[in-house]
Protein backbone atom coordinates (compact mmCIF):
# COMPACT_ATOMS: atom_id res chain seq x y z
CA MET A 1 10.33 16.90 48.11
CA THR A 2 13.87 16.74 47.81
CA SER A 3 14.12 14.06 44.91
CA VAL A 4 11.90 12.77 41.65
CA SER A 5 10.91 9.79 44.03
CA ALA A 6 9.48 11.58 46.73
CA ALA A 7 7.76 14.03 43.96
CA PHE A 8 6.02 10.29 42.95
CA ALA A 9 5.07 9.62 46.32
CA VAL A 10 3.14 12.69 47.09
CA SER A 11 1.30 12.48 44.23
CA ALA A 12 0.71 8.83 44.50
CA ALA A 13 -1.06 9.84 48.19
CA ALA A 14 -2.89 12.61 46.54
CA TRP A 15 -4.19 10.54 42.95
CA ALA A 16 -3.82 7.00 43.50
CA GLU A 17 -6.61 5.77 41.38
CA ARG A 18 -5.72 8.30 38.53
CA PRO A 19 -4.07 6.86 35.85
CA PHE A 20 0.08 7.64 36.11
CA LEU A 21 1.26 5.19 32.93
CA CYS A 22 -0.44 4.19 29.63
CA ILE A 23 1.21 1.79 26.96
CA LEU A 24 -1.34 1.87 24.46
CA PRO A 25 -1.29 -1.58 22.12
CA ASP A 26 0.19 -1.16 19.54
CA VAL A 27 3.99 0.10 21.52
CA ALA A 28 2.91 -2.79 23.38
CA GLU A 29 3.27 -5.58 20.63
CA VAL A 30 6.50 -3.67 19.51
CA TYR A 31 7.78 -4.21 23.18
CA GLY A 32 6.36 -7.72 23.30
CA ILE A 33 4.56 -6.58 26.63
CA GLU A 34 1.17 -6.11 28.16
CA ALA A 35 -1.35 -3.06 26.80
CA ARG A 36 -2.56 -1.84 30.06
CA THR A 37 -2.37 1.07 32.27
CA TRP A 38 -1.01 1.50 35.69
CA SER A 39 -2.53 4.08 37.95
CA TYR A 40 -0.28 6.23 40.36
CA CYS A 41 -1.09 3.31 43.07
CA GLU A 42 -0.20 0.22 41.07
CA ALA A 43 2.78 1.88 39.84
CA GLY A 44 3.69 2.43 43.41
CA THR A 45 3.41 -0.52 44.23
CA GLU A 46 5.68 -2.23 41.06
CA ILE A 47 8.32 0.85 42.20
CA GLY A 48 8.19 -0.39 46.00
CA SER A 49 8.99 -3.87 45.08
CA LEU A 50 11.91 -2.86 43.11
CA THR A 51 13.23 -0.19 46.23
CA ALA A 52 12.88 -2.97 48.16
CA ARG A 53 15.12 -5.09 46.47
CA TYR A 54 17.65 -2.82 44.98
CA ARG A 55 17.90 -1.73 48.52
CA SER A 56 18.82 -5.40 49.51
CA ALA A 57 21.09 -5.86 47.31
CA GLY A 58 23.42 -2.86 48.87
CA TYR A 59 22.33 -0.15 46.04
CA GLY A 60 22.70 3.52 47.12
CA ALA A 61 23.54 6.97 46.66
CA GLY A 62 27.15 6.82 44.63
CA HIS A 63 25.90 4.54 42.44
CA ARG A 64 25.33 4.88 39.13
CA VAL A 65 22.99 2.40 37.35
CA GLY A 66 22.55 2.11 32.79
CA LEU A 67 19.13 1.95 31.69
CA MET A 68 18.53 0.60 28.14
CA LEU A 69 14.51 -0.07 28.72
CA GLY A 70 14.29 2.60 26.05
CA ASN A 71 10.36 3.60 26.54
CA ARG A 72 8.94 0.88 28.13
CA PRO A 73 7.41 1.21 31.38
CA ALA A 74 10.33 -1.22 33.13
CA PHE A 75 12.09 2.39 32.47
CA PHE A 76 9.74 4.45 34.86
CA PHE A 77 9.37 1.73 37.51
CA HIS A 78 13.47 1.03 37.71
CA TRP A 79 14.30 4.80 37.67
CA LEU A 80 12.02 6.05 40.64
CA ALA A 81 13.03 2.94 42.77
CA LEU A 82 16.91 3.59 42.06
CA ASN A 83 16.02 7.06 42.63
CA ALA A 84 14.39 6.20 45.85
CA CYS A 85 17.45 4.83 46.99
CA GLY A 86 19.90 7.35 45.96
CA VAL A 87 21.15 6.26 42.84
CA SER A 88 21.77 7.54 39.93
CA VAL A 89 20.37 6.23 36.76
CA VAL A 90 22.21 6.63 32.83
CA PRO A 91 19.73 5.97 30.17
CA LEU A 92 21.67 4.56 27.01
CA SER A 93 20.07 4.37 23.51
CA ALA A 94 19.90 1.09 22.03
CA GLU A 95 20.37 2.75 18.46
CA LEU A 96 24.16 3.02 20.29
CA ARG A 97 26.88 1.45 18.27
CA PRO A 98 29.19 -0.65 20.53
CA ALA A 99 31.96 1.65 20.25
CA GLU A 100 29.33 4.63 21.64
CA LEU A 101 27.56 1.92 24.46
CA ASP A 102 31.41 1.08 25.05
CA TYR A 103 32.49 5.00 25.77
CA LEU A 104 29.30 5.89 27.56
CA CYS A 105 29.37 2.76 30.24
CA SER A 106 32.97 3.39 30.83
CA HIS A 107 32.68 7.42 31.06
CA SER A 108 29.88 7.22 33.26
CA GLY A 109 31.29 4.61 35.92
CA ILE A 110 28.10 2.25 35.51
CA SER A 111 28.27 -0.34 38.53
CA LEU A 112 25.12 -2.38 36.56
CA ALA A 113 23.24 -1.79 33.88
CA VAL A 114 19.44 -3.12 33.50
CA ALA A 115 18.28 -4.27 29.80
CA ALA A 116 15.45 -5.35 28.03
CA SER A 117 15.34 -8.69 27.11
CA SER A 118 16.25 -7.80 23.56
CA HIS A 119 19.54 -5.95 24.76
CA LEU A 120 20.85 -8.13 26.53
CA VAL A 121 23.12 -9.52 24.22
CA ALA A 122 24.25 -6.11 23.91
CA MET A 123 24.81 -4.83 27.17
CA ARG A 124 26.65 -8.25 28.27
CA GLU A 125 28.66 -7.97 25.13
CA ALA A 126 29.77 -4.05 25.73
CA ALA A 127 30.72 -5.70 29.57
CA VAL A 128 32.92 -8.13 29.06
CA ARG A 129 34.45 -6.23 25.46
CA GLY A 130 35.26 -3.51 27.70
CA ASP A 131 35.87 -4.92 30.32
CA HIS A 132 34.21 -1.86 32.77
CA GLY A 133 33.63 -3.83 35.59
CA PHE A 134 30.01 -3.79 35.87
CA ALA A 135 27.41 -6.51 36.37
CA VAL A 136 24.00 -6.70 33.37
CA MET A 137 20.38 -7.98 34.59
CA GLY A 138 17.24 -8.18 32.65
CA GLU A 139 14.30 -6.04 34.08
CA ASP A 140 12.50 -8.50 35.95
CA ASP A 141 15.80 -10.18 37.77
CA THR A 142 17.10 -9.49 41.23
CA PRO A 143 19.91 -6.63 41.18
CA PRO A 144 23.36 -8.54 41.78
CA VAL A 145 25.26 -7.30 44.94
CA ALA A 146 26.53 -3.88 44.92
CA SER A 147 30.17 -3.11 45.98
CA PRO A 148 30.12 0.01 48.55
CA ALA A 149 29.81 3.33 47.16
CA GLU A 150 29.92 6.94 48.41
CA GLY A 151 27.49 9.39 47.13
CA ASP A 152 25.03 12.40 48.44
CA GLY A 153 21.81 10.88 46.96
CA GLY A 154 21.80 14.07 45.01
CA GLU A 155 22.60 13.13 42.05
CA CYS A 156 19.52 12.10 39.28
CA ALA A 157 20.89 10.90 36.07
CA VAL A 158 23.75 11.72 33.40
CA LEU A 159 22.22 12.24 30.34
CA TYR A 160 25.05 12.52 27.21
CA THR A 161 24.63 15.73 24.86
CA SER A 162 26.47 15.81 21.73
CA GLY A 163 29.55 18.38 22.08
CA THR A 164 31.55 20.06 19.62
CA THR A 165 34.82 18.29 20.78
CA GLY A 166 34.10 15.23 19.80
CA LYS A 167 33.07 12.54 22.31
CA PRO A 168 29.81 13.18 23.74
CA LYS A 169 29.48 15.48 27.52
CA GLY A 170 27.85 13.84 30.09
CA CYS A 171 25.65 16.09 32.14
CA VAL A 172 25.40 15.46 35.76
CA LEU A 173 21.61 16.24 36.86
CA THR A 174 20.25 16.72 40.42
CA ASN A 175 17.12 15.87 41.82
CA GLU A 176 16.21 19.43 42.10
CA TYR A 177 17.02 19.81 38.10
CA PHE A 178 14.21 17.79 37.25
CA LEU A 179 11.69 18.73 40.23
CA ARG A 180 12.28 22.43 39.02
CA ALA A 181 11.60 21.14 35.20
CA GLY A 182 8.24 19.70 36.55
CA ARG A 183 7.12 22.85 39.24
CA TRP A 184 8.36 25.30 35.94
CA TYR A 185 5.83 23.35 33.53
CA ARG A 186 3.43 23.05 36.21
CA GLN A 187 3.23 26.41 36.24
CA VAL A 188 3.79 28.39 33.62
CA GLY A 189 0.07 28.44 32.26
CA GLY A 190 -0.68 30.47 29.00
CA LEU A 191 -1.81 28.36 26.32
CA CYS A 192 0.47 25.89 28.31
CA ALA A 193 -1.64 25.27 31.47
CA ILE A 194 -2.23 21.90 33.16
CA VAL A 195 -5.13 21.11 35.26
CA PRO A 196 -4.46 19.06 38.36
CA GLY A 197 -5.37 15.40 37.97
CA GLN A 198 -6.56 15.31 34.26
CA GLU A 199 -3.80 15.77 31.55
CA ARG A 200 -2.81 12.65 29.74
CA LEU A 201 0.11 13.66 27.73
CA ILE A 202 1.51 11.49 24.68
CA THR A 203 5.22 11.53 23.69
CA PRO A 204 7.14 9.42 21.34
CA LEU A 205 10.70 10.74 22.36
CA PRO A 206 12.62 8.64 23.69
CA MET A 207 13.35 8.85 27.55
CA THR A 208 17.42 8.85 26.98
CA HIS A 209 16.29 13.00 26.26
CA MET A 210 15.59 15.54 29.02
CA ASN A 211 12.32 16.74 26.86
CA ALA A 212 11.01 13.25 27.80
CA MET A 213 12.56 12.85 31.11
CA ALA A 214 12.79 16.14 32.86
CA TYR A 215 9.39 18.04 30.90
CA SER A 216 7.10 14.98 29.80
CA THR A 217 7.49 12.71 32.58
CA MET A 218 8.50 15.10 35.61
CA ALA A 219 4.96 17.76 34.52
CA MET A 220 2.53 14.45 34.65
CA LEU A 221 4.52 13.17 37.60
CA MET A 222 3.59 16.37 39.94
CA SER A 223 0.19 17.41 38.78
CA GLY A 224 -1.45 13.94 38.70
CA GLY A 225 -1.40 13.50 35.15
CA CYS A 226 -0.70 10.26 32.70
CA VAL A 227 2.20 9.25 30.60
CA VAL A 228 1.67 7.91 27.56
CA PRO A 229 5.05 6.96 26.09
CA LEU A 230 5.31 5.74 22.61
CA ASP A 231 8.63 3.36 21.11
CA ARG A 232 9.10 6.21 18.74
CA PHE A 233 7.11 8.19 16.10
CA HIS A 234 4.76 6.68 13.79
CA PRO A 235 3.70 8.74 11.28
CA ARG A 236 0.69 6.61 10.03
CA ASN A 237 -0.31 5.51 12.91
CA TRP A 238 0.03 8.80 14.66
CA TRP A 239 -3.68 10.60 14.91
CA ASN A 240 -4.97 6.63 16.17
CA SER A 241 -2.19 6.85 19.01
CA VAL A 242 -3.69 10.10 20.10
CA ARG A 243 -7.04 9.55 19.87
CA ALA A 244 -7.07 5.79 21.59
CA SER A 245 -4.80 7.48 24.50
CA GLU A 246 -7.10 10.67 24.50
CA ALA A 247 -3.99 12.66 24.94
CA THR A 248 -4.70 16.15 26.42
CA ILE A 249 -0.90 17.39 25.63
CA ILE A 250 1.11 15.66 22.63
CA HIS A 251 5.03 16.41 22.45
CA TYR A 252 6.20 17.05 19.21
CA LEU A 253 9.66 17.21 17.30
CA GLY A 254 10.35 20.18 14.52
CA VAL A 255 9.94 16.91 11.63
CA MET A 256 6.78 15.76 12.79
CA PRO A 257 4.25 18.44 11.73
CA SER A 258 5.82 17.87 8.31
CA MET A 259 5.90 14.41 8.30
CA LEU A 260 2.18 14.52 9.64
CA LEU A 261 1.30 17.08 6.87
CA SER A 262 2.29 14.74 4.22
CA ALA A 263 -0.53 12.49 4.43
CA GLU A 264 -4.07 13.40 2.34
CA PRO A 265 -6.45 15.72 4.80
CA LEU A 266 -9.49 14.05 6.74
CA ALA A 267 -12.34 14.80 7.50
CA SER A 268 -11.09 13.23 11.24
CA ASP A 269 -8.15 15.62 11.28
CA CYS A 270 -9.57 17.50 13.96
CA ASP A 271 -11.22 14.66 16.22
CA HIS A 272 -9.08 14.72 18.94
CA HIS A 273 -8.76 16.25 22.70
CA VAL A 274 -5.53 17.68 22.35
CA LYS A 275 -4.96 21.22 23.86
CA PHE A 276 -1.53 22.19 22.49
CA GLY A 277 1.56 20.36 21.47
CA PHE A 278 4.93 21.18 22.89
CA GLY A 279 8.05 21.07 20.71
CA ALA A 280 10.51 23.04 18.95
CA GLY A 281 11.63 23.30 15.99
CA VAL A 282 9.10 23.31 13.29
CA ASP A 283 9.25 24.26 9.84
CA ARG A 284 7.85 28.03 9.47
CA ARG A 285 6.12 27.46 6.50
CA HIS A 286 4.42 24.62 7.97
CA HIS A 287 3.56 26.06 11.44
CA ALA A 288 0.46 27.34 10.46
CA VAL A 289 -0.80 25.30 8.21
CA PHE A 290 -0.97 22.42 11.19
CA GLU A 291 -2.21 24.31 13.19
CA ALA A 292 -5.48 25.12 11.17
CA ARG A 293 -5.74 21.51 9.91
CA PHE A 294 -5.11 19.95 12.77
CA GLY A 295 -7.01 22.48 14.92
CA LEU A 296 -4.25 22.50 17.75
CA PRO A 297 -1.57 25.33 18.62
CA LEU A 298 1.93 24.06 18.35
CA LEU A 299 4.23 25.82 21.33
CA GLU A 300 7.53 26.34 19.98
CA ALA A 301 9.98 26.30 23.00
CA TRP A 302 13.53 26.58 23.59
CA ALA A 303 15.93 25.21 26.47
CA MET A 304 18.88 22.59 26.72
CA THR A 305 19.62 19.36 28.17
CA GLU A 306 22.55 21.66 30.17
CA THR A 307 19.71 24.49 31.31
CA GLY A 308 17.13 22.41 32.61
CA ALA A 309 13.99 24.75 33.69
CA GLY A 310 17.09 27.04 34.95
CA ALA A 311 16.76 28.71 31.62
CA VAL A 312 13.71 27.76 29.12
CA VAL A 313 11.42 30.04 27.05
CA ILE A 314 8.39 29.29 25.09
CA ALA A 315 5.75 31.37 23.33
CA ASN A 316 2.89 30.16 25.17
CA GLN A 317 1.28 33.39 25.40
CA VAL A 318 -1.50 35.67 22.93
CA PRO A 319 -1.26 37.54 20.89
CA ARG A 320 1.16 34.61 19.10
CA ARG A 321 3.36 34.89 16.08
CA VAL A 322 2.89 31.62 13.86
CA GLY A 323 5.49 31.04 12.01
CA ASP A 324 8.29 33.27 12.79
CA ALA A 325 10.27 31.56 14.51
CA VAL A 326 9.47 32.81 17.65
CA LEU A 327 11.03 31.29 20.78
CA GLY A 328 8.76 33.53 23.27
CA LYS A 329 9.41 36.39 25.64
CA PRO A 330 12.28 35.37 28.77
CA GLY A 331 10.18 34.87 31.96
CA PRO A 332 11.01 36.54 35.50
CA GLU A 333 13.06 33.35 36.24
CA MET A 334 16.08 34.17 33.83
CA ASP A 335 18.36 36.09 32.72
CA CYS A 336 19.73 36.61 29.37
CA ARG A 337 21.58 38.67 27.02
CA ILE A 338 23.37 38.59 23.55
CA VAL A 339 26.49 39.25 22.60
CA ASP A 340 28.62 39.18 19.27
CA GLU A 341 31.94 37.26 18.84
CA ALA A 342 34.28 39.20 21.06
CA GLY A 343 31.70 39.07 23.66
CA ASP A 344 29.94 42.41 23.81
CA VAL A 345 26.44 43.00 24.03
CA VAL A 346 24.69 43.78 20.30
CA SER A 347 22.41 46.79 19.72
CA ALA A 348 18.83 45.75 19.95
CA GLY A 349 17.84 43.41 17.46
CA ASP A 350 21.34 42.60 16.11
CA PRO A 351 21.72 39.09 16.32
CA GLY A 352 24.52 37.74 18.43
CA GLU A 353 24.98 34.20 20.67
CA LEU A 354 22.31 33.78 23.37
CA LEU A 355 23.96 33.82 27.11
CA VAL A 356 22.08 33.04 29.93
CA ARG A 357 21.74 32.28 33.88
CA ALA A 358 19.23 31.48 36.39
CA SER A 359 17.63 34.99 38.18
CA GLY A 360 18.69 35.66 42.18
CA ALA A 361 21.45 34.48 44.48
CA ASN A 362 22.36 31.37 42.21
CA PRO A 363 22.94 31.76 38.42
CA ARG A 364 23.38 27.85 38.15
CA ALA A 365 20.10 27.15 40.01
CA GLY A 366 18.13 24.18 37.81
CA PHE A 367 20.94 24.10 35.27
CA PHE A 368 22.98 21.19 34.96
CA ASP A 369 25.22 20.47 38.02
CA HIS A 370 28.55 19.90 35.93
CA TYR A 371 30.22 18.28 32.82
CA LEU A 372 30.85 14.72 34.65
CA HIS A 373 34.98 14.25 33.81
CA ASP A 374 35.19 17.49 32.33
CA PRO A 375 36.21 20.58 34.69
CA VAL A 376 37.34 22.65 31.97
CA ALA A 377 34.33 22.38 29.91
CA THR A 378 31.88 23.17 32.01
CA GLU A 379 34.23 26.13 33.44
CA ALA A 380 33.74 26.95 29.72
CA ALA A 381 30.68 27.22 29.34
CA TRP A 382 29.86 29.53 31.91
CA GLU A 383 32.29 31.54 31.23
CA GLY A 384 32.15 35.30 32.49
CA GLY A 385 28.93 33.78 35.13
CA TRP A 386 26.41 33.27 31.80
CA PHE A 387 26.05 30.08 30.03
CA HIS A 388 27.01 29.89 26.49
CA THR A 389 24.84 28.13 24.69
CA GLY A 390 25.79 28.56 21.15
CA ASP A 391 22.88 29.68 19.33
CA VAL A 392 22.36 32.44 18.02
CA VAL A 393 19.19 34.81 18.19
CA ARG A 394 17.71 38.50 18.45
CA PHE A 395 15.18 39.78 20.83
CA GLU A 396 12.19 41.90 18.87
CA PRO A 397 10.91 45.85 19.96
CA ASP A 398 8.08 43.42 21.46
CA GLY A 399 10.44 41.18 24.01
CA ASN A 400 10.45 38.54 22.28
CA LEU A 401 13.09 35.94 21.04
CA ILE A 402 13.84 34.76 17.53
CA PHE A 403 15.76 31.97 16.66
CA VAL A 404 18.29 32.75 13.98
CA ASP A 405 20.92 30.00 13.87
CA ARG A 406 23.62 27.50 15.87
CA ARG A 407 26.92 28.64 16.30
CA LYS A 408 27.88 25.52 17.94
CA ASN A 409 29.08 23.22 15.13
CA ILE A 410 25.90 21.08 15.84
CA ILE A 411 23.98 19.22 13.39
CA ARG A 412 20.36 18.78 14.06
CA ARG A 413 18.52 16.12 12.18
CA SER A 414 14.97 14.59 13.45
CA GLY A 415 15.62 16.42 17.11
CA GLU A 416 19.10 14.29 17.22
CA ASN A 417 21.77 16.22 18.06
CA ILE A 418 25.14 15.15 15.86
CA ALA A 419 28.40 16.85 16.67
CA ALA A 420 30.11 17.38 13.25
CA VAL A 421 33.56 15.94 15.10
CA GLU A 422 32.63 13.12 16.14
CA VAL A 423 31.45 11.98 12.58
CA GLU A 424 34.93 13.46 11.38
CA THR A 425 37.03 11.57 13.88
CA ILE A 426 35.21 8.21 12.90
CA LEU A 427 35.20 9.34 9.22
CA ARG A 428 38.99 10.03 9.18
CA ARG A 429 40.33 7.01 10.39
CA ASN A 430 38.35 5.34 7.19
CA PRO A 431 41.82 4.16 4.51
CA LEU A 432 39.77 5.34 2.03
CA VAL A 433 39.57 9.16 3.38
CA ARG A 434 42.52 11.67 4.02
CA ASP A 435 40.57 14.22 4.90
CA VAL A 436 37.04 15.51 6.03
CA ALA A 437 34.79 18.27 7.17
CA VAL A 438 31.40 17.49 8.55
CA THR A 439 28.21 19.72 7.97
CA ALA A 440 24.60 20.19 8.08
CA VAL A 441 22.20 20.78 4.88
CA ALA A 442 19.00 21.62 4.66
CA ASP A 443 16.89 18.35 4.56
CA GLU A 444 12.51 18.75 3.83
CA VAL A 445 11.95 15.74 5.91
CA ARG A 446 14.61 15.76 8.57
CA GLY A 447 15.01 19.60 8.94
CA GLU A 448 19.04 18.66 8.86
CA GLU A 449 21.26 15.68 6.75
CA VAL A 450 24.47 15.36 7.57
CA LEU A 451 26.72 15.95 4.25
CA ALA A 452 30.51 15.36 4.61
CA PHE A 453 33.08 16.51 2.17
CA VAL A 454 35.47 13.99 1.79
CA ILE A 455 39.39 14.65 -0.20
CA PRO A 456 39.78 10.66 -0.70
CA ALA A 457 43.28 9.00 -0.11
CA ALA A 458 42.90 7.75 -4.09
CA PRO A 459 41.83 9.72 -7.36
CA LEU A 460 38.79 9.19 -8.62
CA GLY A 461 35.98 8.97 -5.73
CA ASP A 462 32.77 7.53 -7.16
CA ALA A 463 29.46 6.34 -5.55
CA GLU A 464 30.58 2.96 -4.83
CA MET A 465 33.24 4.22 -2.13
CA ALA A 466 31.09 6.95 -0.95
CA PHE A 467 28.89 4.03 0.11
CA ALA A 468 31.87 1.66 1.26
CA ILE A 469 32.84 4.84 4.07
CA VAL A 470 28.70 5.20 4.97
CA GLN A 471 29.24 1.29 5.51
CA SER A 472 32.30 1.45 7.43
CA ALA A 473 31.36 4.07 9.70
CA LEU A 474 27.82 2.45 10.43
CA GLU A 475 30.08 0.27 12.61
CA GLU A 476 31.21 2.68 14.92
CA LEU A 477 28.39 5.48 14.49
CA SER A 478 24.78 5.34 15.24
CA TYR A 479 22.70 5.50 12.15
CA PHE A 480 21.52 9.05 12.09
CA LYS A 481 24.94 10.05 12.23
CA VAL A 482 26.66 8.45 9.27
CA PRO A 483 26.74 10.79 6.24
CA GLY A 484 23.30 11.06 4.58
CA TRP A 485 25.33 13.41 1.88
CA LEU A 486 28.64 12.68 0.70
CA ALA A 487 30.80 15.09 -1.70
CA PHE A 488 34.32 14.40 -2.98
CA VAL A 489 36.22 17.07 -3.03
CA GLU A 490 40.21 17.99 -3.49
CA ALA A 491 40.74 20.92 -0.99
CA LEU A 492 38.37 21.77 2.08
CA PRO A 493 37.90 25.17 2.82
CA VAL A 494 40.79 26.31 5.97
CA THR A 495 42.20 28.97 7.35
CA SER A 496 45.75 30.37 7.28
CA THR A 497 46.25 27.86 10.29
CA GLN A 498 44.60 24.93 8.36
CA LYS A 499 41.67 24.86 10.55
CA ILE A 500 38.37 24.17 9.01
CA GLN A 501 35.99 27.50 8.41
CA ARG A 502 32.63 26.13 9.67
CA GLY A 503 31.36 28.79 8.71
CA ASN A 504 32.05 28.32 5.00
CA LEU A 505 30.98 24.55 5.24
CA LYS A 506 27.01 25.76 4.95
CA SER A 507 26.78 27.67 1.78
CA TRP A 508 29.37 25.63 0.58
CA ALA A 509 27.15 22.34 1.04
CA ALA A 510 24.21 24.29 -0.08
CA GLU A 511 25.72 24.54 -3.39
CA TYR A 512 27.12 21.07 -4.13
CA LEU A 513 23.66 19.87 -3.04
CA ALA A 514 22.10 21.95 -5.44
CA GLY A 515 24.63 21.60 -8.59
CA GLY A 516 23.94 17.73 -8.44
CA THR A 517 27.60 17.11 -7.33
CA CYS A 518 26.92 15.29 -4.10
CA ILE A 519 26.48 11.45 -3.65
CA ASP A 520 22.92 10.27 -1.92
CA THR A 521 23.50 8.08 0.96
CA ARG A 522 20.64 8.38 2.75
CA LYS A 523 19.62 5.23 1.76
CA LEU A 524 22.22 3.59 4.04
CA LYS A 525 20.43 5.27 7.15
CA SER A 526 17.76 3.28 8.85
CA ARG A 527 17.54 1.92 12.71
CA ASN A 528 18.48 -1.53 11.57
CA ALA A 529 21.68 -0.50 9.64
CA ARG A 530 24.62 -2.59 10.25
CA ALA A 531 27.66 -2.48 7.93
CA ALA A 532 27.40 -4.98 5.17
């Protein structure tokens, strides 16, 4: 197998009548589509028809096509059809603000965008506004004729991930990246054991993220399992969806267990078929409590968009240490080392930055191919032949990796990675802001929340000014990126060279929050938020 579509064809031949994709009634209602299940054979028919239409229109290797389809079945069908033609896809979130959408469309160089009917207006406006030269069509439309392009067909997708330099980085991912992820999940075993042709995996994670595309989808696609994508996580309906789907595997974000535990206990809490949950970031205090109440293990894993399955760690073996932030023991397919800020290997048990690579002749096997249009950042990430993760960990005597903190200036809110520099760049454009520094602050529900320290352009910053600043930011940033807390200050903690002392910001933020001097702007953060 050399492509994702070829892997699907193999499974379709072996598991023709087995279910591949299930859309539940609640999800269908949100999307305004039919609730149904597609077998591998039926999905293959849909994909084959789309493949023929794209080929007839001239799409092939060297083209990139944006997909703003959410977790609809159309995403899967268009992705696999385009992949069969050698086309790379660029998943686009409907949460993107116009400026963010313009950047991704321009930077990725898409020639076509396929959008759900509810997003067609936004995509067409982006095509006109940015003059990026790409066409736009609905999921059921006939593809417009494509201009000639050149490529080898090895590229499968470009996924954008927040970095520390402001703008999101485009991770170029090959077909082998996805295939390796599927093989890893299918074979990892332990408490993650997959039975071919039997599993049903439910995920609320968006197809714009590597977890949903590379792990959820590829694990099922390559084992004859069924994918059950939700439009998003709905705490009140979660267990109803799990039971209705007959899911045997759930994928979760760290925020989900805390939300589910907040509901009143029910006699039916263990009434499900789930064997395990696969995810990351569960609050240590909630880990054991959740497992005892709902009767399934939450298997914490570590990976990045950049690392794929070239370097992935999961706590899937017994005996287990629940609630200790254990990431598991690195497998033989990867090498890792832990270093201090000078790049020297730390003593056993001491924390340091995690560096990883694939074992064997090719240290980049299974990793992202490169950052699109950014060879300098690509090589910097691989300095010294190791990928620098920015995550601080330590080794336990038993060989387990323990997560400690993140060195990179990333805020992780409800599973979304937010670059502090990107938020700061937008806030500094506001005439009400003279300077700003953004950091993470602990949040009981979301894991982390965005807190902004603002030096106001005029004295006496108040709640009205804070709301105005956040409302303005909503014009350019996705709702989850804007500050949930804002504190007005006279000065920021800086070094002698006037660089922000990032290491002090978190403790500073905790003190301000505990002291009651922060303005709560979280009520402005909603999926439907727009500037007033």
